[in-house]
Amino acid sequence: MVLLVLAVPSLSLLFLQNRQVQTKVSQFLTGQLSEELQATISLSSVNYTFFKRIQIRDLYIEDLHGDTLIFSELTKVRIKQIRPDKGILEIRSISVQNAGLNLVIEPGGGVNLQMITDRLKKPHVPPERKNKLHIHQITMSDGWFRLTKTGHGPLRSQIDFVDFDLNDLEIQLHDLISERDTISMNIITLAGIEKSGFDIRNLSTLMTLGKTHMHFNDLEILTHKSDLHVPLLGFNFDHWRGFKGFSREVDLSFESIGSELDMEDLTVFVSRTEGIPYRLTVDGSAHGKLNNLKGNDIQISIDRQSTLAFDFTMIGLPDFRNTFLDFNFREFNSSVR
């Protein structure tokens, strides 16, 4: 009897490892998902092995316009536990190779990913019945990310988020947790090269997302010429739609300790700073909405020769021409080498 109990799951796994069975299972899964999400979904194979390992090849999800939304050449998943009775899904690791996400912002402000997220939304359930997802480790190699806006005009700078294309993505995440209304993840490494040539050598942060906030703690960004140390970059809002009126509806919190910013890097995002040869070291904090922003204990060192220490209030951004500026300078030192 004991041998029979042990044999049943073993034979079941061997059955699932049969190529014809896996092909039928793959066709069934993609058919069900395509119908549920009303999107074209395909994959070439799904392999199941012992110890809760799954390998998926050539996963492809299409958006409503027939363009690629998500693609992954190879995805490997190791499952730790699935507890449907308690709403728990725990995954040891996910690794993806040659994978990417192609986001398109529609003229009305929607995103092509919204067709899927809308269908995944569930009616309100009590907090005690919310599911919990915990992925211990996620790695990506040779990845890509694209963000474009339909019908955008001329680019305003070398990197403009209406036509953003990041390649050679290498990502390592730890402890991605989705519970109730909050998602958190520890980004250990994120590196990639934008099509303009801008090189993100490394980005790391503890990131949390919720219905009313997006926070980046202990944010570190290393590029070819800059090295930023940002203990806090936070965005707080009443709802995500507030980002459409960012300057009026989103509260910003920012702290910097010893961040070194080369103006050549800034020029990639803000073309009007082109030709300014300085390297800045920035300490201090800023908080408030963009149209009413206050800075405290700001200290800026320019090429290690001049130092400014001040507080500031800016009212009226992003309309810079009609912005009220109030600077309270506490210190100014300059030396010539």
Protein backbone atom coordinates (compact mmCIF):
# COMPACT_ATOMS: atom_id res chain seq x y z
CA MET A 1 0.00 0.00 0.00
CA VAL A 2 2.84 2.38 0.88
CA LEU A 3 4.56 1.56 -2.41
CA LEU A 4 1.33 2.33 -4.26
CA VAL A 5 1.03 5.72 -2.56
CA LEU A 6 4.59 6.55 -3.56
CA ALA A 7 4.16 5.23 -7.08
CA VAL A 8 1.11 7.32 -8.01
CA PRO A 9 2.80 10.78 -7.90
CA SER A 10 5.96 9.38 -9.52
CA LEU A 11 3.99 7.89 -12.40
CA SER A 12 2.04 11.13 -12.73
CA LEU A 13 5.27 13.12 -13.10
CA LEU A 14 6.61 10.64 -15.66
CA PHE A 15 3.32 10.99 -17.55
CA LEU A 16 3.67 14.78 -17.57
CA GLN A 17 7.23 14.51 -18.87
CA ASN A 18 6.02 12.76 -22.04
CA ARG A 19 6.54 15.14 -24.96
CA GLN A 20 3.13 14.53 -26.52
CA VAL A 21 1.44 15.09 -23.18
CA GLN A 22 3.39 18.30 -22.62
CA THR A 23 2.41 19.53 -26.09
CA LYS A 24 -1.27 18.92 -25.34
CA VAL A 25 -0.94 20.62 -21.95
CA SER A 26 0.81 23.62 -23.58
CA GLN A 27 -1.95 23.95 -26.16
CA PHE A 28 -4.60 23.73 -23.45
CA LEU A 29 -2.92 26.34 -21.23
CA THR A 30 -2.34 28.84 -24.03
CA GLY A 31 -5.90 28.35 -25.25
CA GLN A 32 -7.35 28.95 -21.80
CA LEU A 33 -5.15 32.00 -21.18
CA SER A 34 -5.87 33.46 -24.60
CA GLU A 35 -9.60 33.13 -24.00
CA GLU A 36 -9.42 34.52 -20.47
CA LEU A 37 -7.26 37.52 -21.39
CA GLN A 38 -8.63 37.90 -24.93
CA ALA A 39 -5.08 38.13 -26.24
CA THR A 40 -2.95 36.01 -28.58
CA ILE A 41 -0.66 33.84 -26.46
CA SER A 42 1.68 31.14 -27.73
CA LEU A 43 4.65 29.06 -26.62
CA SER A 44 6.65 26.30 -28.22
CA SER A 45 6.97 23.95 -25.25
CA VAL A 46 6.45 23.47 -21.53
CA ASN A 47 8.67 20.94 -19.74
CA TYR A 48 7.83 19.61 -16.30
CA THR A 49 10.49 17.91 -14.22
CA PHE A 50 10.83 16.62 -10.69
CA PHE A 51 11.19 18.97 -7.72
CA LYS A 52 8.55 21.40 -9.05
CA ARG A 53 10.61 22.71 -11.97
CA ILE A 54 8.97 24.17 -15.07
CA GLN A 55 10.70 25.27 -18.27
CA ILE A 56 8.85 27.35 -20.88
CA ARG A 57 10.23 28.15 -24.32
CA ASP A 58 9.25 30.98 -26.67
CA LEU A 59 6.48 32.54 -24.60
CA TYR A 60 4.78 35.20 -26.71
CA ILE A 61 1.92 37.55 -25.78
CA GLU A 62 0.48 39.93 -28.34
CA ASP A 63 -1.29 43.22 -27.72
CA LEU A 64 -4.58 44.26 -29.31
CA HIS A 65 -2.76 45.85 -32.26
CA GLY A 66 -0.92 42.66 -33.19
CA ASP A 67 2.43 43.85 -31.85
CA THR A 68 4.66 42.06 -29.35
CA LEU A 69 3.74 42.83 -25.75
CA ILE A 70 5.81 40.23 -23.89
CA PHE A 71 8.35 37.71 -25.17
CA SER A 72 10.68 35.29 -23.42
CA GLU A 73 12.85 32.81 -25.27
CA LEU A 74 13.49 30.70 -22.16
CA THR A 75 11.78 30.87 -18.77
CA LYS A 76 12.70 28.58 -15.88
CA VAL A 77 10.55 28.38 -12.73
CA ARG A 78 11.17 26.57 -9.44
CA ILE A 79 8.08 26.39 -7.27
CA LYS A 80 8.40 26.14 -3.48
CA GLN A 81 4.78 25.81 -2.46
CA ILE A 82 1.25 26.36 -3.70
CA ARG A 83 -1.48 26.66 -1.05
CA PRO A 84 -4.77 27.50 -2.79
CA ASP A 85 -6.63 27.08 0.51
CA LYS A 86 -4.61 29.93 2.04
CA GLY A 87 -4.06 31.90 -1.16
CA ILE A 88 -0.27 31.41 -1.02
CA LEU A 89 2.03 30.98 -4.01
CA GLU A 90 5.73 30.81 -3.18
CA ILE A 91 8.35 30.49 -5.92
CA ARG A 92 12.02 29.80 -5.26
CA SER A 93 13.32 31.31 -8.48
CA ILE A 94 12.43 32.54 -11.95
CA SER A 95 15.07 33.04 -14.63
CA VAL A 96 14.38 34.46 -18.08
CA GLN A 97 16.68 34.73 -21.09
CA ASN A 98 16.27 36.95 -24.15
CA ALA A 99 13.07 38.41 -22.78
CA GLY A 100 11.41 41.78 -23.13
CA LEU A 101 8.42 44.02 -22.56
CA ASN A 102 7.07 46.40 -25.19
CA LEU A 103 4.81 49.11 -23.72
CA VAL A 104 2.89 51.52 -25.94
CA ILE A 105 1.11 54.61 -24.59
CA GLU A 106 -2.07 55.24 -26.54
CA PRO A 107 -3.20 58.77 -27.57
CA GLY A 108 -5.89 58.69 -24.84
CA GLY A 109 -3.31 57.92 -22.17
CA GLY A 110 -3.94 54.18 -21.83
CA VAL A 111 -1.19 51.56 -22.11
CA ASN A 112 -1.31 48.39 -24.25
CA LEU A 113 -0.69 46.32 -21.10
CA GLN A 114 -3.96 47.56 -19.63
CA MET A 115 -6.00 45.04 -21.62
CA ILE A 116 -4.43 42.29 -19.52
CA THR A 117 -4.39 44.05 -16.15
CA ASP A 118 -8.07 44.99 -16.54
CA ARG A 119 -9.01 41.34 -17.10
CA LEU A 120 -6.91 40.20 -14.16
CA LYS A 121 -8.70 42.55 -11.78
CA LYS A 122 -10.93 40.81 -9.30
CA PRO A 123 -13.91 42.18 -7.37
CA HIS A 124 -13.22 43.52 -3.93
CA VAL A 125 -12.49 40.82 -1.35
CA PRO A 126 -11.84 41.19 2.38
CA PRO A 127 -8.17 41.76 3.34
CA GLU A 128 -8.00 38.39 5.12
CA ARG A 129 -8.79 36.63 1.82
CA LYS A 130 -6.23 38.45 -0.32
CA ASN A 131 -3.63 36.22 -1.97
CA LYS A 132 0.08 36.39 -1.28
CA LEU A 133 2.80 35.89 -3.88
CA HIS A 134 6.45 35.55 -2.86
CA ILE A 135 9.19 35.07 -5.46
CA HIS A 136 12.53 34.66 -3.74
CA GLN A 137 14.73 35.38 -6.77
CA ILE A 138 14.29 36.64 -10.33
CA THR A 139 17.09 36.92 -12.86
CA MET A 140 17.07 38.21 -16.43
CA SER A 141 19.82 38.07 -19.00
CA ASP A 142 19.98 39.61 -22.47
CA GLY A 143 16.68 41.41 -21.93
CA TRP A 144 15.06 44.51 -23.40
CA PHE A 145 12.43 47.10 -22.51
CA ARG A 146 10.68 49.52 -24.86
CA LEU A 147 8.32 52.39 -24.12
CA THR A 148 6.81 54.44 -26.93
CA LYS A 149 3.94 56.88 -27.29
CA THR A 150 1.77 56.61 -30.37
CA GLY A 151 2.02 59.67 -32.60
CA HIS A 152 4.69 61.43 -30.54
CA GLY A 153 6.35 64.52 -31.97
CA PRO A 154 10.06 65.31 -32.27
CA LEU A 155 12.22 64.08 -29.40
CA ARG A 156 13.09 66.78 -26.86
CA SER A 157 16.36 65.17 -25.79
CA GLN A 158 18.57 62.17 -26.48
CA ILE A 159 16.47 60.14 -24.03
CA ASP A 160 12.78 60.95 -24.24
CA PHE A 161 10.31 58.59 -22.58
CA VAL A 162 7.98 58.81 -25.58
CA ASP A 163 10.59 56.71 -27.44
CA PHE A 164 12.66 54.80 -24.88
CA ASP A 165 14.59 51.66 -25.80
CA LEU A 166 16.73 49.83 -23.21
CA ASN A 167 18.76 46.81 -24.32
CA ASP A 168 21.33 44.34 -22.94
CA LEU A 169 19.28 44.24 -19.74
CA GLU A 170 20.74 42.28 -16.84
CA ILE A 171 18.48 42.14 -13.78
CA GLN A 172 18.61 40.41 -10.43
CA LEU A 173 15.73 40.78 -7.96
CA HIS A 174 15.25 39.32 -4.50
CA ASP A 175 12.03 38.89 -2.54
CA LEU A 176 9.33 40.13 -4.85
CA ILE A 177 6.28 40.08 -2.58
CA SER A 178 2.73 40.92 -3.57
CA GLU A 179 0.34 41.00 -0.62
CA ARG A 180 -2.97 42.81 -0.34
CA ASP A 181 -2.48 46.16 -2.12
CA THR A 182 1.32 46.41 -2.00
CA ILE A 183 4.16 45.04 -4.12
CA SER A 184 7.75 45.20 -2.89
CA MET A 185 11.03 43.99 -4.36
CA ASN A 186 14.73 44.31 -3.67
CA ILE A 187 16.46 45.22 -6.94
CA ILE A 188 20.00 43.97 -6.45
CA THR A 189 21.24 44.71 -9.95
CA LEU A 190 19.79 46.40 -13.01
CA ALA A 191 22.08 47.25 -15.91
CA GLY A 192 21.42 48.14 -19.54
CA ILE A 193 22.18 50.45 -22.45
CA GLU A 194 19.64 52.86 -23.94
CA LYS A 195 19.64 53.25 -27.72
CA SER A 196 21.14 56.74 -27.30
CA GLY A 197 24.25 55.06 -25.89
CA PHE A 198 23.49 56.03 -22.28
CA ASP A 199 24.94 53.26 -20.13
CA ILE A 200 23.29 52.30 -16.82
CA ARG A 201 26.11 50.32 -15.27
CA ASN A 202 24.15 49.48 -12.16
CA LEU A 203 20.94 50.45 -10.39
CA SER A 204 19.90 49.02 -7.04
CA THR A 205 17.04 49.90 -4.68
CA LEU A 206 14.33 48.59 -2.38
CA MET A 207 11.14 49.40 -4.25
CA THR A 208 7.55 49.41 -2.95
CA LEU A 209 4.38 50.08 -4.92
CA GLY A 210 0.90 50.61 -3.55
CA LYS A 211 -2.40 52.22 -4.42
CA THR A 212 -1.18 55.58 -3.09
CA HIS A 213 2.62 55.45 -3.22
CA MET A 214 5.74 54.49 -5.14
CA HIS A 215 8.93 54.52 -3.06
CA PHE A 216 12.57 53.83 -3.88
CA ASN A 217 14.70 53.40 -0.76
CA ASP A 218 18.51 53.27 -0.76
CA LEU A 219 18.59 54.03 -4.47
CA GLU A 220 22.06 53.73 -6.01
CA ILE A 221 22.69 54.59 -9.68
CA LEU A 222 26.05 54.20 -11.39
CA THR A 223 26.66 55.38 -14.95
CA HIS A 224 29.80 56.00 -16.97
CA LYS A 225 30.26 59.45 -15.40
CA SER A 226 27.85 59.76 -12.44
CA ASP A 227 27.43 58.02 -9.10
CA LEU A 228 24.16 58.80 -7.30
CA HIS A 229 23.30 57.94 -3.67
CA VAL A 230 19.63 58.59 -2.90
CA PRO A 231 18.35 57.28 0.46
CA LEU A 232 14.78 58.15 -0.55
CA LEU A 233 12.91 58.92 -3.73
CA GLY A 234 9.21 58.84 -2.98
CA PHE A 235 5.97 59.63 -4.80
CA ASN A 236 2.72 59.83 -2.83
CA PHE A 237 -0.69 60.40 -4.39
CA ASP A 238 -4.41 59.79 -3.93
CA HIS A 239 -4.61 57.50 -6.96
CA TRP A 240 -2.44 56.52 -9.91
CA ARG A 241 -4.41 58.78 -12.24
CA GLY A 242 -2.71 61.65 -10.39
CA PHE A 243 0.40 61.14 -12.53
CA LYS A 244 -1.46 62.79 -15.42
CA GLY A 245 -1.37 65.98 -13.36
CA PHE A 246 2.01 65.17 -11.79
CA SER A 247 3.03 68.73 -10.87
CA ARG A 248 -0.24 69.35 -8.97
CA GLU A 249 -1.23 65.97 -7.55
CA VAL A 250 1.90 64.00 -6.63
CA ASP A 251 3.91 64.68 -3.47
CA LEU A 252 7.62 64.24 -4.06
CA SER A 253 10.22 63.30 -1.43
CA PHE A 254 13.90 63.28 -2.34
CA GLU A 255 17.12 62.91 -0.37
CA SER A 256 20.70 62.85 -1.61
CA ILE A 257 23.95 62.10 0.18
CA GLY A 258 27.18 62.70 -1.72
CA SER A 259 25.65 62.14 -5.16
CA GLU A 260 28.06 62.95 -7.99
CA LEU A 261 26.28 64.11 -11.14
CA ASP A 262 28.14 64.84 -14.36
CA MET A 263 26.27 67.43 -16.39
CA GLU A 264 26.97 65.42 -19.53
CA ASP A 265 24.70 62.70 -18.14
CA LEU A 266 21.99 65.26 -17.34
CA THR A 267 22.20 66.57 -20.92
CA VAL A 268 20.99 63.20 -22.18
CA PHE A 269 17.65 63.90 -20.44
CA VAL A 270 17.59 67.73 -20.52
CA SER A 271 19.05 69.06 -23.76
CA ARG A 272 19.16 72.68 -22.49
CA THR A 273 22.05 71.76 -20.17
CA GLU A 274 24.25 70.80 -23.14
CA GLY A 275 27.69 72.39 -23.09
CA ILE A 276 27.84 72.87 -19.30
CA PRO A 277 31.10 71.13 -18.36
CA TYR A 278 30.57 70.87 -14.62
CA ARG A 279 30.51 67.92 -12.26
CA LEU A 280 28.25 68.43 -9.24
CA THR A 281 28.25 66.85 -5.81
CA VAL A 282 24.77 67.12 -4.28
CA ASP A 283 23.59 66.76 -0.67
CA GLY A 284 20.23 67.70 0.82
CA SER A 285 16.52 67.02 0.48
CA ALA A 286 13.44 68.34 -1.32
CA HIS A 287 9.77 67.72 -0.70
CA GLY A 288 6.32 68.85 -1.82
CA LYS A 289 4.44 68.92 -5.09
CA LEU A 290 6.43 70.05 -8.11
CA ASN A 291 4.40 73.26 -8.35
CA ASN A 292 5.24 74.03 -4.70
CA LEU A 293 8.62 72.49 -4.00
CA LYS A 294 10.86 73.19 -1.01
CA GLY A 295 14.49 72.24 -0.52
CA ASN A 296 16.29 71.96 2.81
CA ASP A 297 19.98 71.86 3.70
CA ILE A 298 21.03 71.80 0.07
CA GLN A 299 24.77 71.77 -0.54
CA ILE A 300 26.18 71.69 -4.03
CA SER A 301 29.87 71.44 -4.85
CA ILE A 302 30.88 72.39 -8.41
CA ASP A 303 33.99 70.63 -9.75
CA ARG A 304 35.20 70.51 -6.11
CA GLN A 305 36.11 74.21 -6.45
CA SER A 306 32.95 76.08 -5.47
CA THR A 307 30.36 75.27 -2.81
CA LEU A 308 26.84 76.57 -2.35
CA ALA A 309 24.71 75.90 0.76
CA PHE A 310 21.09 77.04 0.75
CA ASP A 311 17.38 76.35 1.20
CA PHE A 312 14.86 77.10 -1.53
CA THR A 313 11.19 77.45 -2.37
CA MET A 314 9.92 77.15 -5.96
CA ILE A 315 6.28 77.86 -6.78
CA GLY A 316 4.90 77.46 -10.29
CA LEU A 317 6.81 74.61 -11.94
CA PRO A 318 6.82 73.23 -14.58
CA ASP A 319 6.11 76.67 -16.09
CA PHE A 320 9.64 77.89 -15.38
CA ARG A 321 9.13 81.36 -16.88
CA ASN A 322 6.37 82.11 -14.36
CA THR A 323 7.91 80.30 -11.39
CA PHE A 324 8.56 82.15 -8.15
CA LEU A 325 12.05 81.38 -6.79
CA ASP A 326 13.18 82.08 -3.23
CA PHE A 327 16.72 81.09 -2.23
CA ASN A 328 18.13 81.44 1.26
CA PHE A 329 21.91 81.20 0.81
CA ARG A 330 23.85 80.24 3.93
CA GLU A 331 27.28 79.73 2.43
CA PHE A 332 29.24 80.38 -0.74
CA ASN A 333 32.88 79.40 -1.19
CA SER A 334 34.94 79.47 -4.36
CA SER A 335 38.55 78.72 -5.19
CA VAL A 336 40.50 78.72 -8.44
CA ARG A 337 42.93 75.93 -9.22
